[in-house]
C-alpha atoms as a PDB file:
ATOM      1  CA  MET A   1      17.794 121.824 238.801  1.00  0.00           C
ATOM      2  CA  PHE A   2      18.959 125.323 239.743  1.00  0.00           C
ATOM      3  CA  SER A   3      17.901 126.985 242.956  1.00  0.00           C
ATOM      4  CA  THR A   4      17.793 130.692 243.808  1.00  0.00           C
ATOM      5  CA  ARG A   5      20.475 131.925 246.186  1.00  0.00           C
ATOM      6  CA  LEU A   6      17.695 133.655 248.134  1.00  0.00           C
ATOM      7  CA  ARG A   7      15.871 130.421 248.879  1.00  0.00           C
ATOM      8  CA  ASN A   8      16.458 130.332 252.637  1.00  0.00           C
ATOM      9  CA  LEU A   9      15.005 133.807 253.067  1.00  0.00           C
ATOM     10  CA  GLU A  10      12.106 132.995 250.761  1.00  0.00           C
ATOM     11  CA  GLU A  11      11.310 129.863 252.757  1.00  0.00           C
ATOM     12  CA  GLU A  12      11.347 132.035 255.890  1.00  0.00           C
ATOM     13  CA  MET A  13       8.876 134.391 254.172  1.00  0.00           C
ATOM     14  CA  GLY A  14       6.526 131.501 253.407  1.00  0.00           C
ATOM     15  CA  ALA A  15       7.156 130.881 249.709  1.00  0.00           C
ATOM     16  CA  ASP A  16       5.576 127.977 247.863  1.00  0.00           C
ATOM     17  CA  PHE A  17       8.163 126.703 245.386  1.00  0.00           C
ATOM     18  CA  GLY A  18       7.664 125.236 241.959  1.00  0.00           C
ATOM     19  CA  VAL A  19       9.772 124.458 238.906  1.00  0.00           C
ATOM     20  CA  PHE A  20      10.099 126.974 236.068  1.00  0.00           C
ATOM     21  CA  ALA A  21      12.638 126.717 233.231  1.00  0.00           C
ATOM     22  CA  GLY A  22      14.766 124.290 235.216  1.00  0.00           C
ATOM     23  CA  TRP A  23      14.760 126.466 238.357  1.00  0.00           C
ATOM     24  CA  SER A  24      13.087 125.934 241.712  1.00  0.00           C
ATOM     25  CA  MET A  25      11.461 129.345 242.212  1.00  0.00           C
ATOM     26  CA  PRO A  26       8.860 130.963 244.498  1.00  0.00           C
ATOM     27  CA  MET A  27       5.497 130.563 242.789  1.00  0.00           C
ATOM     28  CA  SER A  28       3.520 132.455 245.451  1.00  0.00           C
ATOM     29  CA  TYR A  29       3.506 133.388 249.107  1.00  0.00           C
ATOM     30  CA  GLY A  30       0.016 132.118 249.827  1.00  0.00           C
ATOM     31  CA  SER A  31      -2.193 134.108 247.443  1.00  0.00           C
ATOM     32  CA  TYR A  32      -1.099 135.159 243.980  1.00  0.00           C
ATOM     33  CA  LEU A  33      -4.288 137.234 243.770  1.00  0.00           C
ATOM     34  CA  ASP A  34      -3.140 139.398 246.692  1.00  0.00           C
ATOM     35  CA  GLU A  35       0.392 139.607 245.261  1.00  0.00           C
ATOM     36  CA  HIS A  36      -0.937 140.664 241.862  1.00  0.00           C
ATOM     37  CA  MET A  37      -3.165 143.359 243.354  1.00  0.00           C
ATOM     38  CA  ALA A  38      -0.328 144.569 245.575  1.00  0.00           C
ATOM     39  CA  VAL A  39       1.558 145.539 242.394  1.00  0.00           C
ATOM     40  CA  ARG A  40      -1.474 147.222 240.844  1.00  0.00           C
ATOM     41  CA  SER A  41      -2.360 149.120 244.044  1.00  0.00           C
ATOM     42  CA  SER A  42       0.861 149.496 246.082  1.00  0.00           C
ATOM     43  CA  ALA A  43       4.109 147.515 245.560  1.00  0.00           C
ATOM     44  CA  ALA A  44       5.672 144.048 245.677  1.00  0.00           C
ATOM     45  CA  PHE A  45       9.042 142.462 244.975  1.00  0.00           C
ATOM     46  CA  PHE A  46       9.899 139.438 242.842  1.00  0.00           C
ATOM     47  CA  ASP A  47      12.966 137.214 242.783  1.00  0.00           C
ATOM     48  CA  LEU A  48      14.077 137.063 239.136  1.00  0.00           C
ATOM     49  CA  SER A  49      17.399 135.337 239.743  1.00  0.00           C
ATOM     50  CA  HIS A  50      16.459 132.641 237.234  1.00  0.00           C
ATOM     51  CA  MET A  51      16.731 135.076 234.306  1.00  0.00           C
ATOM     52  CA  GLY A  52      19.868 134.769 232.217  1.00  0.00           C
ATOM     53  CA  ARG A  53      22.411 137.585 232.549  1.00  0.00           C
ATOM     54  CA  LEU A  54      25.281 137.644 230.093  1.00  0.00           C
ATOM     55  CA  MET A  55      28.192 140.069 229.776  1.00  0.00           C
ATOM     56  CA  VAL A  56      29.049 140.432 226.073  1.00  0.00           C
ATOM     57  CA  THR A  57      32.234 142.168 224.906  1.00  0.00           C
ATOM     58  CA  GLY A  58      33.825 142.774 221.526  1.00  0.00           C
ATOM     59  CA  LYS A  59      33.328 144.692 218.304  1.00  0.00           C
ATOM     60  CA  LYS A  60      30.238 146.867 218.277  1.00  0.00           C
ATOM     61  CA  GLU A  61      29.477 146.163 214.612  1.00  0.00           C
ATOM     62  CA  GLU A  62      29.344 142.427 215.338  1.00  0.00           C
ATOM     63  CA  PHE A  63      26.973 142.872 218.270  1.00  0.00           C
ATOM     64  CA  GLU A  64      24.863 145.381 216.323  1.00  0.00           C
ATOM     65  CA  TYR A  65      24.377 142.773 213.583  1.00  0.00           C
ATOM     66  CA  LEU A  66      23.010 140.249 216.078  1.00  0.00           C
ATOM     67  CA  VAL A  67      20.529 142.628 217.756  1.00  0.00           C
ATOM     68  CA  ALA A  68      17.279 143.352 215.887  1.00  0.00           C
ATOM     69  CA  LYS A  69      16.866 146.871 217.301  1.00  0.00           C
ATOM     70  CA  ALA A  70      19.358 149.647 216.587  1.00  0.00           C
ATOM     71  CA  ILE A  71      21.910 150.271 219.296  1.00  0.00           C
ATOM     72  CA  GLY A  72      23.637 152.968 217.258  1.00  0.00           C
ATOM     73  CA  SER A  73      24.325 156.018 219.371  1.00  0.00           C
ATOM     74  CA  THR A  74      22.705 154.693 222.548  1.00  0.00           C
ATOM     75  CA  GLU A  75      24.731 156.066 225.454  1.00  0.00           C
ATOM     76  CA  ALA A  76      26.255 154.027 228.236  1.00  0.00           C
ATOM     77  CA  GLY A  77      23.736 153.727 231.060  1.00  0.00           C
ATOM     78  CA  LYS A  78      20.751 153.340 228.718  1.00  0.00           C
ATOM     79  CA  MET A  79      18.797 150.208 227.929  1.00  0.00           C
ATOM     80  CA  VAL A  80      17.737 148.973 224.498  1.00  0.00           C
ATOM     81  CA  GLY A  81      14.667 146.848 224.520  1.00  0.00           C
ATOM     82  CA  PRO A  82      12.782 144.838 224.557  1.00  0.00           C
ATOM     83  CA  THR A  83      14.532 143.641 221.445  1.00  0.00           C
ATOM     84  CA  ALA A  84      15.429 140.233 220.084  1.00  0.00           C
ATOM     85  CA  PHE A  85      17.951 137.889 218.604  1.00  0.00           C
ATOM     86  CA  LEU A  86      16.443 136.350 215.465  1.00  0.00           C
ATOM     87  CA  THR A  87      17.179 133.346 213.313  1.00  0.00           C
ATOM     88  CA  ASP A  88      17.960 133.810 209.618  1.00  0.00           C
ATOM     89  CA  LYS A  89      14.275 133.006 209.069  1.00  0.00           C
ATOM     90  CA  GLY A  90      13.338 136.051 211.162  1.00  0.00           C
ATOM     91  CA  THR A  91      11.945 133.995 214.057  1.00  0.00           C
ATOM     92  CA  PHE A  92      12.787 134.402 217.743  1.00  0.00           C
ATOM     93  CA  VAL A  93      15.970 132.957 219.206  1.00  0.00           C
ATOM     94  CA  ASP A  94      14.959 134.991 222.272  1.00  0.00           C
ATOM     95  CA  ASP A  95      13.553 138.362 223.273  1.00  0.00           C
ATOM     96  CA  VAL A  96      16.054 140.229 225.429  1.00  0.00           C
ATOM     97  CA  MET A  97      16.928 143.473 227.184  1.00  0.00           C
ATOM     98  CA  ILE A  98      20.284 145.100 226.408  1.00  0.00           C
ATOM     99  CA  TYR A  99      22.152 147.267 228.922  1.00  0.00           C
ATOM    100  CA  VAL A 100      24.723 149.449 227.157  1.00  0.00           C
ATOM    101  CA  LEU A 101      27.921 149.610 229.225  1.00  0.00           C
ATOM    102  CA  GLY A 102      30.108 151.244 226.573  1.00  0.00           C
ATOM    103  CA  GLU A 103      31.308 151.048 222.972  1.00  0.00           C
ATOM    104  CA  SER A 104      32.377 147.426 223.308  1.00  0.00           C
ATOM    105  CA  SER A 105      30.490 145.913 226.247  1.00  0.00           C
ATOM    106  CA  TRP A 106      26.842 145.107 226.957  1.00  0.00           C
ATOM    107  CA  LEU A 107      24.772 143.202 229.458  1.00  0.00           C
ATOM    108  CA  VAL A 108      22.074 140.979 228.003  1.00  0.00           C
ATOM    109  CA  VAL A 109      19.121 139.683 230.029  1.00  0.00           C
ATOM    110  CA  THR A 110      17.618 136.547 228.489  1.00  0.00           C
ATOM    111  CA  ASN A 111      14.649 134.377 229.328  1.00  0.00           C
ATOM    112  CA  ALA A 112      15.660 131.739 231.874  1.00  0.00           C
ATOM    113  CA  VAL A 113      14.978 128.892 229.480  1.00  0.00           C
ATOM    114  CA  ASN A 114      17.274 130.402 226.832  1.00  0.00           C
ATOM    115  CA  ARG A 115      20.362 131.402 228.821  1.00  0.00           C
ATOM    116  CA  GLU A 116      22.693 128.703 227.524  1.00  0.00           C
ATOM    117  CA  LYS A 117      21.166 128.735 224.045  1.00  0.00           C
ATOM    118  CA  VAL A 118      21.698 132.481 223.661  1.00  0.00           C
ATOM    119  CA  ALA A 119      25.293 132.323 224.935  1.00  0.00           C
ATOM    120  CA  SER A 120      26.086 129.574 222.412  1.00  0.00           C
ATOM    121  CA  TRP A 121      24.213 131.374 219.631  1.00  0.00           C
ATOM    122  CA  ILE A 122      26.201 134.617 220.160  1.00  0.00           C
ATOM    123  CA  LYS A 123      29.512 132.734 220.082  1.00  0.00           C
ATOM    124  CA  ARG A 124      28.458 130.736 217.015  1.00  0.00           C
ATOM    125  CA  ASN A 125      27.439 133.830 215.054  1.00  0.00           C
ATOM    126  CA  SER A 126      30.212 136.255 216.040  1.00  0.00           C
ATOM    127  CA  GLY A 127      33.650 136.686 217.519  1.00  0.00           C
ATOM    128  CA  LEU A 128      32.181 138.242 220.667  1.00  0.00           C
ATOM    129  CA  GLU A 129      33.128 137.105 224.159  1.00  0.00           C
ATOM    130  CA  VAL A 130      30.350 135.991 226.505  1.00  0.00           C
ATOM    131  CA  GLU A 131      30.599 135.754 230.284  1.00  0.00           C
ATOM    132  CA  ASP A 132      27.673 134.271 232.201  1.00  0.00           C
ATOM    133  CA  LEU A 133      26.955 136.319 235.352  1.00  0.00           C
ATOM    134  CA  THR A 134      23.683 134.572 236.199  1.00  0.00           C
ATOM    135  CA  MET A 135      24.917 132.588 239.170  1.00  0.00           C
ATOM    136  CA  GLU A 136      27.065 135.427 240.497  1.00  0.00           C
ATOM    137  CA  TYR A 137      24.292 137.901 241.301  1.00  0.00           C
ATOM    138  CA  ALA A 138      20.753 137.726 242.571  1.00  0.00           C
ATOM    139  CA  MET A 139      18.191 139.760 240.621  1.00  0.00           C
ATOM    140  CA  VAL A 140      15.036 141.257 242.118  1.00  0.00           C
ATOM    141  CA  ALA A 141      12.307 143.514 240.709  1.00  0.00           C
ATOM    142  CA  VAL A 142      10.458 145.992 242.944  1.00  0.00           C
ATOM    143  CA  GLN A 143       7.291 147.047 241.164  1.00  0.00           C
ATOM    144  CA  GLY A 144       4.101 148.888 241.923  1.00  0.00           C
ATOM    145  CA  ARG A 145       1.786 151.833 241.371  1.00  0.00           C
ATOM    146  CA  ARG A 146       2.900 153.392 244.694  1.00  0.00           C
ATOM    147  CA  VAL A 147       6.404 151.924 244.775  1.00  0.00           C
ATOM    148  CA  TRP A 148       8.120 155.212 245.705  1.00  0.00           C
ATOM    149  CA  GLU A 149       6.024 155.546 248.851  1.00  0.00           C
ATOM    150  CA  PHE A 150       7.694 152.404 250.189  1.00  0.00           C
ATOM    151  CA  THR A 151      11.220 152.690 248.787  1.00  0.00           C
ATOM    152  CA  ASP A 152      13.891 155.257 248.086  1.00  0.00           C
ATOM    153  CA  LYS A 153      13.052 157.259 244.965  1.00  0.00           C
ATOM    154  CA  VAL A 154      15.704 156.647 242.326  1.00  0.00           C
ATOM    155  CA  GLU A 155      16.978 159.497 240.152  1.00  0.00           C
ATOM    156  CA  ILE A 156      17.095 157.386 237.004  1.00  0.00           C
ATOM    157  CA  GLU A 157      15.004 157.832 233.873  1.00  0.00           C
ATOM    158  CA  PRO A 158      12.919 154.886 232.625  1.00  0.00           C
ATOM    159  CA  LEU A 159      15.010 152.331 230.710  1.00  0.00           C
ATOM    160  CA  SER A 160      18.201 153.697 232.239  1.00  0.00           C
ATOM    161  CA  PHE A 161      20.524 152.185 234.816  1.00  0.00           C
ATOM    162  CA  LYS A 162      23.460 152.847 237.097  1.00  0.00           C
ATOM    163  CA  LYS A 163      26.193 150.489 238.198  1.00  0.00           C
ATOM    164  CA  GLY A 164      27.796 150.203 241.609  1.00  0.00           C
ATOM    165  CA  ILE A 165      25.441 152.487 243.523  1.00  0.00           C
ATOM    166  CA  LYS A 166      23.736 152.021 246.862  1.00  0.00           C
ATOM    167  CA  TYR A 167      19.986 151.492 247.059  1.00  0.00           C
ATOM    168  CA  MET A 168      18.232 151.658 250.427  1.00  0.00           C
ATOM    169  CA  GLY A 169      21.735 151.605 251.891  1.00  0.00           C
ATOM    170  CA  ILE A 170      22.633 148.330 250.176  1.00  0.00           C
ATOM    171  CA  GLU A 171      25.477 147.830 247.689  1.00  0.00           C
ATOM    172  CA  THR A 172      24.182 146.878 244.246  1.00  0.00           C
ATOM    173  CA  PHE A 173      25.934 145.715 241.102  1.00  0.00           C
ATOM    174  CA  LEU A 174      23.314 147.362 238.892  1.00  0.00           C
ATOM    175  CA  LEU A 175      20.069 149.270 239.391  1.00  0.00           C
ATOM    176  CA  SER A 176      17.716 149.918 236.455  1.00  0.00           C
ATOM    177  CA  ARG A 177      14.406 151.748 236.131  1.00  0.00           C
ATOM    178  CA  SER A 178      12.638 148.916 234.391  1.00  0.00           C
ATOM    179  CA  GLY A 179      10.235 146.028 234.885  1.00  0.00           C
ATOM    180  CA  TRP A 180       7.776 143.688 233.231  1.00  0.00           C
ATOM    181  CA  THR A 181       4.507 144.334 235.065  1.00  0.00           C
ATOM    182  CA  GLY A 182       3.213 147.539 233.505  1.00  0.00           C
ATOM    183  CA  GLU A 183       3.943 149.488 236.691  1.00  0.00           C
ATOM    184  CA  ASP A 184       6.853 151.680 237.756  1.00  0.00           C
ATOM    185  CA  GLY A 185       9.804 150.357 239.702  1.00  0.00           C
ATOM    186  CA  VAL A 186      13.339 149.068 239.581  1.00  0.00           C
ATOM    187  CA  GLU A 187      15.266 145.908 238.820  1.00  0.00           C
ATOM    188  CA  ILE A 188      18.306 145.272 241.003  1.00  0.00           C
ATOM    189  CA  TRP A 189      21.330 143.020 240.633  1.00  0.00           C
ATOM    190  CA  ALA A 190      23.343 142.429 243.794  1.00  0.00           C
ATOM    191  CA  ARG A 191      25.415 139.821 245.574  1.00  0.00           C
ATOM    192  CA  PRO A 192      23.041 137.338 247.256  1.00  0.00           C
ATOM    193  CA  GLU A 193      24.091 138.355 250.758  1.00  0.00           C
ATOM    194  CA  GLU A 194      23.484 142.048 249.956  1.00  0.00           C
ATOM    195  CA  MET A 195      20.189 141.237 248.275  1.00  0.00           C
ATOM    196  CA  GLU A 196      19.002 139.386 251.335  1.00  0.00           C
ATOM    197  CA  LEU A 197      19.598 142.505 253.434  1.00  0.00           C
ATOM    198  CA  LEU A 198      17.687 144.570 250.883  1.00  0.00           C
ATOM    199  CA  LEU A 199      14.695 142.210 250.851  1.00  0.00           C
ATOM    200  CA  ARG A 200      14.489 142.313 254.620  1.00  0.00           C
ATOM    201  CA  LYS A 201      14.406 146.132 254.438  1.00  0.00           C
ATOM    202  CA  LEU A 202      11.711 146.090 251.768  1.00  0.00           C
ATOM    203  CA  ARG A 203       9.665 143.689 253.876  1.00  0.00           C
ATOM    204  CA  THR A 204      10.072 145.916 256.928  1.00  0.00           C
ATOM    205  CA  ASN A 205       8.847 148.855 254.818  1.00  0.00           C
ATOM    206  CA  GLY A 206       5.636 146.962 254.066  1.00  0.00           C
ATOM    207  CA  ILE A 207       6.385 145.619 250.592  1.00  0.00           C
ATOM    208  CA  LYS A 208       4.985 142.145 249.936  1.00  0.00           C
ATOM    209  CA  PRO A 209       7.009 139.370 248.328  1.00  0.00           C
ATOM    210  CA  ALA A 210       5.370 138.018 245.172  1.00  0.00           C
ATOM    211  CA  GLY A 211       5.902 134.875 243.122  1.00  0.00           C
ATOM    212  CA  LEU A 212       6.063 133.939 239.480  1.00  0.00           C
ATOM    213  CA  ILE A 213       2.315 133.205 239.227  1.00  0.00           C
ATOM    214  CA  ALA A 214       1.522 136.860 239.938  1.00  0.00           C
ATOM    215  CA  ARG A 215       4.271 137.979 237.580  1.00  0.00           C
ATOM    216  CA  ASP A 216       2.680 135.854 234.848  1.00  0.00           C
ATOM    217  CA  SER A 217      -0.825 137.273 235.376  1.00  0.00           C
ATOM    218  CA  LEU A 218       0.581 140.825 235.446  1.00  0.00           C
ATOM    219  CA  ARG A 219       2.425 140.402 232.153  1.00  0.00           C
ATOM    220  CA  GLN A 220      -0.630 138.858 230.500  1.00  0.00           C
ATOM    221  CA  GLU A 221      -2.809 141.824 231.493  1.00  0.00           C
ATOM    222  CA  MET A 222      -0.293 144.027 229.680  1.00  0.00           C
ATOM    223  CA  GLY A 223      -0.086 141.708 226.666  1.00  0.00           C
ATOM    224  CA  PHE A 224       3.604 140.932 227.198  1.00  0.00           C
ATOM    225  CA  VAL A 225       4.773 137.687 225.624  1.00  0.00           C
ATOM    226  CA  LEU A 226       6.594 134.799 227.295  1.00  0.00           C
ATOM    227  CA  TYR A 227       9.183 132.823 225.365  1.00  0.00           C
ATOM    228  CA  GLY A 228       8.176 129.180 225.030  1.00  0.00           C
ATOM    229  CA  GLU A 229       4.497 130.086 225.364  1.00  0.00           C
ATOM    230  CA  ASP A 230       3.732 132.982 223.036  1.00  0.00           C
ATOM    231  CA  ILE A 231       6.912 133.212 220.969  1.00  0.00           C
ATOM    232  CA  ASP A 232       9.602 130.770 219.896  1.00  0.00           C
ATOM    233  CA  GLU A 233      11.599 129.819 216.813  1.00  0.00           C
ATOM    234  CA  THR A 234       8.388 129.233 214.826  1.00  0.00           C
ATOM    235  CA  VAL A 235       7.118 132.817 215.275  1.00  0.00           C
ATOM    236  CA  ASN A 236       8.396 136.096 213.843  1.00  0.00           C
ATOM    237  CA  PRO A 237       7.898 139.603 215.329  1.00  0.00           C
ATOM    238  CA  LEU A 238       5.309 140.564 212.685  1.00  0.00           C
ATOM    239  CA  GLU A 239       3.093 137.648 213.653  1.00  0.00           C
ATOM    240  CA  ALA A 240       3.587 138.436 217.346  1.00  0.00           C
ATOM    241  CA  ARG A 241       3.035 142.183 216.747  1.00  0.00           C
ATOM    242  CA  TYR A 242       6.158 142.657 218.806  1.00  0.00           C
ATOM    243  CA  TRP A 243       8.012 145.695 217.479  1.00  0.00           C
ATOM    244  CA  VAL A 244      11.510 144.759 218.559  1.00  0.00           C
ATOM    245  CA  PHE A 245      13.413 145.557 215.371  1.00  0.00           C
ATOM    246  CA  SER A 246      14.786 148.535 213.391  1.00  0.00           C
ATOM    247  CA  LEU A 247      14.678 147.964 209.642  1.00  0.00           C
ATOM    248  CA  GLU A 248      16.881 150.988 208.958  1.00  0.00           C
ATOM    249  CA  LYS A 249      19.926 148.898 209.836  1.00  0.00           C
ATOM    250  CA  GLU A 250      21.222 145.435 208.929  1.00  0.00           C
ATOM    251  CA  PHE A 251      20.721 142.562 211.359  1.00  0.00           C
ATOM    252  CA  LEU A 252      20.482 138.796 211.284  1.00  0.00           C
ATOM    253  CA  GLY A 253      16.940 137.904 210.217  1.00  0.00           C
ATOM    254  CA  ARG A 254      16.219 141.285 208.593  1.00  0.00           C
ATOM    255  CA  ASN A 255      15.874 139.926 205.047  1.00  0.00           C
ATOM    256  CA  ALA A 256      13.271 137.405 206.193  1.00  0.00           C
ATOM    257  CA  LEU A 257      11.284 140.128 207.973  1.00  0.00           C
ATOM    258  CA  VAL A 258      11.367 142.393 204.914  1.00  0.00           C
ATOM    259  CA  GLN A 259      10.104 139.504 202.802  1.00  0.00           C
ATOM    260  CA  ALA A 260       7.325 138.833 205.340  1.00  0.00           C
ATOM    261  CA  LEU A 261       6.345 142.514 205.211  1.00  0.00           C
ATOM    262  CA  ARG A 262       6.009 142.216 201.440  1.00  0.00           C
ATOM    263  CA  THR A 263       4.005 138.979 201.419  1.00  0.00           C
ATOM    264  CA  GLY A 264       2.090 139.340 204.676  1.00  0.00           C
ATOM    265  CA  VAL A 265       1.735 136.746 207.413  1.00  0.00           C
ATOM    266  CA  THR A 266      -0.727 133.925 207.945  1.00  0.00           C
ATOM    267  CA  LYS A 267      -1.256 134.316 211.693  1.00  0.00           C
ATOM    268  CA  ILE A 268      -1.486 137.249 214.125  1.00  0.00           C
ATOM    269  CA  ARG A 269      -1.276 137.445 217.923  1.00  0.00           C
ATOM    270  CA  VAL A 270      -4.447 138.627 219.595  1.00  0.00           C
ATOM    271  CA  GLY A 271      -5.792 139.075 223.132  1.00  0.00           C
ATOM    272  CA  LEU A 272      -8.703 137.152 224.617  1.00  0.00           C
ATOM    273  CA  LYS A 273     -11.246 138.125 227.269  1.00  0.00           C
ATOM    274  CA  LEU A 274     -13.724 135.596 228.598  1.00  0.00           C
ATOM    275  CA  LYS A 275     -17.058 136.632 230.105  1.00  0.00           C
ATOM    276  CA  LYS A 276     -17.080 137.608 233.767  1.00  0.00           C
ATOM    277  CA  GLY A 277     -18.114 134.658 235.878  1.00  0.00           C
ATOM    278  CA  GLU A 278     -16.509 132.123 233.540  1.00  0.00           C
ATOM    279  CA  ARG A 279     -13.840 130.438 235.660  1.00  0.00           C
ATOM    280  CA  VAL A 280     -12.479 127.895 233.172  1.00  0.00           C
ATOM    281  CA  ILE A 281      -8.933 128.774 232.112  1.00  0.00           C
ATOM    282  CA  PRO A 282      -8.143 127.578 228.577  1.00  0.00           C
ATOM    283  CA  ARG A 283      -5.079 125.403 228.215  1.00  0.00           C
ATOM    284  CA  ARG A 284      -2.269 126.169 225.809  1.00  0.00           C
ATOM    285  CA  ASP A 285      -3.253 125.017 222.292  1.00  0.00           C
ATOM    286  CA  SER A 286      -6.986 125.267 223.050  1.00  0.00           C
ATOM    287  CA  LYS A 287      -8.727 125.956 219.744  1.00  0.00           C
ATOM    288  CA  ILE A 288     -10.143 129.393 218.928  1.00  0.00           C
ATOM    289  CA  MET A 289     -13.318 128.961 216.889  1.00  0.00           C
ATOM    290  CA  VAL A 290     -15.518 131.211 214.771  1.00  0.00           C
ATOM    291  CA  GLU A 291     -18.742 129.484 213.793  1.00  0.00           C
ATOM    292  CA  ASP A 292     -17.574 125.933 213.059  1.00  0.00           C
ATOM    293  CA  GLN A 293     -14.112 126.986 211.831  1.00  0.00           C
ATOM    294  CA  GLU A 294     -10.890 126.724 213.815  1.00  0.00           C
ATOM    295  CA  ILE A 295      -9.154 130.060 213.334  1.00  0.00           C
ATOM    296  CA  GLY A 296      -6.338 129.788 215.875  1.00  0.00           C
ATOM    297  CA  VAL A 297      -4.989 128.535 219.194  1.00  0.00           C
ATOM    298  CA  VAL A 298      -4.471 129.887 222.700  1.00  0.00           C
ATOM    299  CA  THR A 299      -0.846 130.318 223.844  1.00  0.00           C
ATOM    300  CA  SER A 300      -1.286 131.824 227.348  1.00  0.00           C
ATOM    301  CA  SER A 301      -4.234 132.179 229.681  1.00  0.00           C
ATOM    302  CA  THR A 302      -4.877 133.089 233.302  1.00  0.00           C
ATOM    303  CA  TYR A 303      -7.356 134.641 235.697  1.00  0.00           C
ATOM    304  CA  SER A 304      -6.922 138.409 235.889  1.00  0.00           C
ATOM    305  CA  PRO A 305      -7.421 139.650 239.463  1.00  0.00           C
ATOM    306  CA  TYR A 306      -7.615 143.243 238.216  1.00  0.00           C
ATOM    307  CA  LEU A 307     -10.292 142.579 235.582  1.00  0.00           C
ATOM    308  CA  THR A 308     -11.928 139.760 237.616  1.00  0.00           C
ATOM    309  CA  ARG A 309     -12.202 137.608 234.523  1.00  0.00           C
ATOM    310  CA  VAL A 310     -10.192 135.045 232.592  1.00  0.00           C
ATOM    311  CA  ILE A 311      -7.893 136.527 229.941  1.00  0.00           C
ATOM    312  CA  GLY A 312      -5.343 135.186 227.528  1.00  0.00           C
ATOM    313  CA  MET A 313      -3.649 135.500 224.194  1.00  0.00           C
ATOM    314  CA  GLY A 314      -3.107 133.378 221.143  1.00  0.00           C
ATOM    315  CA  TYR A 315      -2.731 133.400 217.396  1.00  0.00           C
ATOM    316  CA  VAL A 316      -5.522 133.557 214.834  1.00  0.00           C
ATOM    317  CA  LYS A 317      -5.415 133.381 211.065  1.00  0.00           C
ATOM    318  CA  SER A 318      -4.661 136.860 209.743  1.00  0.00           C
ATOM    319  CA  SER A 319      -7.801 136.524 207.591  1.00  0.00           C
ATOM    320  CA  HIS A 320      -9.846 136.236 210.821  1.00  0.00           C
ATOM    321  CA  LEU A 321      -8.461 139.087 212.936  1.00  0.00           C
ATOM    322  CA  PHE A 322     -11.949 140.137 214.013  1.00  0.00           C
ATOM    323  CA  LEU A 323     -11.029 142.418 216.925  1.00  0.00           C
ATOM    324  CA  GLY A 324     -14.071 142.957 219.142  1.00  0.00           C
ATOM    325  CA  TYR A 325     -15.819 139.825 217.907  1.00  0.00           C
ATOM    326  CA  SER A 326     -16.996 137.202 220.397  1.00  0.00           C
ATOM    327  CA  SER A 327     -15.387 133.996 219.215  1.00  0.00           C
ATOM    328  CA  LYS A 328     -15.364 130.687 221.099  1.00  0.00           C
ATOM    329  CA  VAL A 329     -12.512 128.864 222.828  1.00  0.00           C
ATOM    330  CA  GLU A 330     -12.780 125.088 222.982  1.00  0.00           C
ATOM    331  CA  VAL A 331     -11.918 123.698 226.428  1.00  0.00           C
ATOM    332  CA  ARG A 332     -12.471 120.036 227.255  1.00  0.00           C
ATOM    333  CA  GLY A 333     -15.327 119.714 224.791  1.00  0.00           C
ATOM    334  CA  ARG A 334     -16.999 123.006 225.794  1.00  0.00           C
ATOM    335  CA  ARG A 335     -17.033 126.089 223.617  1.00  0.00           C
ATOM    336  CA  ILE A 336     -16.651 129.165 225.807  1.00  0.00           C
ATOM    337  CA  GLU A 337     -17.277 132.714 224.613  1.00  0.00           C
ATOM    338  CA  ALA A 338     -14.078 134.751 224.275  1.00  0.00           C
ATOM    339  CA  LYS A 339     -13.821 138.230 222.797  1.00  0.00           C
ATOM    340  CA  LEU A 340     -10.897 138.851 220.454  1.00  0.00           C
ATOM    341  CA  THR A 341      -9.224 142.052 221.589  1.00  0.00           C
ATOM    342  CA  ASP A 342      -6.133 144.209 221.327  1.00  0.00           C
ATOM    343  CA  PHE A 343      -3.416 144.783 223.948  1.00  0.00           C
ATOM    344  CA  PRO A 344      -3.056 145.810 226.708  1.00  0.00           C
ATOM    345  CA  LEU A 345      -6.011 143.987 228.252  1.00  0.00           C
ATOM    346  CA  VAL A 346      -6.252 146.389 231.238  1.00  0.00           C
END
């Protein structure tokens, strides 16, 4: 079991801890509903130190072949993503963000559950060098609709980053204009002791700490997928409607995707909205029904504080992609009305 290097401070701030992807992480600080709405209405910060962070160095053409989206002429200081590493069958090894450091070096942020798998996969499929920086730095996201009213405004374009700069007077390893909540903000890598100073400043400025439960409900409102729930090595980007590839270049898994484009796919990812007032949250693998036919399964579901209703996502047969239709989701013997809808859900 891994533990965040910020744990002592998070305990002091009142975090409730739980296990996610082999890490003991803050799940909430009392009310995930309040934390969720803080992001949608003002700002909050999340500890993301569980996410894998790999330094990859070597020949650009080898790295380019592994990444599904074109890196090409992307300048140092820019991010490529979200993109993915794919199997030769075109399915997800992982969805990742790439930070371009130069012609022969990149930082890769992986899902926590895939850190070791991705490092091994890169080495197995190339001559690239991989250094795992995950335990060396803490990583925090500061996100929110009014984030710049509470923090220093950063002079960085979206999906860009700077290394070795100060933020709020604190030394960082890397600062990027990015996030995974649908709101503006930054993601920061810093030494744990520096990050602790930063979090205390953010707290003093009125920014709430938030846990992984709120992060999960925020990403579901936006229709963002989670590896292990909504995508894995049985799903390809066409089925997930996750446009993380560039067919104009060669990459591992491209041939399988081109073939799938020619033949079509049998399942498609879709959003779900339950009626307001319905409080039952479907479990993963709950059946999606139309009339008496099972047309798919739920992969993620949660209560949306912003929409004040239960939402989710799942896969339905491509022959039954009836967007706007009120299907049923089967939960513990009950069939609950759920509208099939597109993303984002907010």
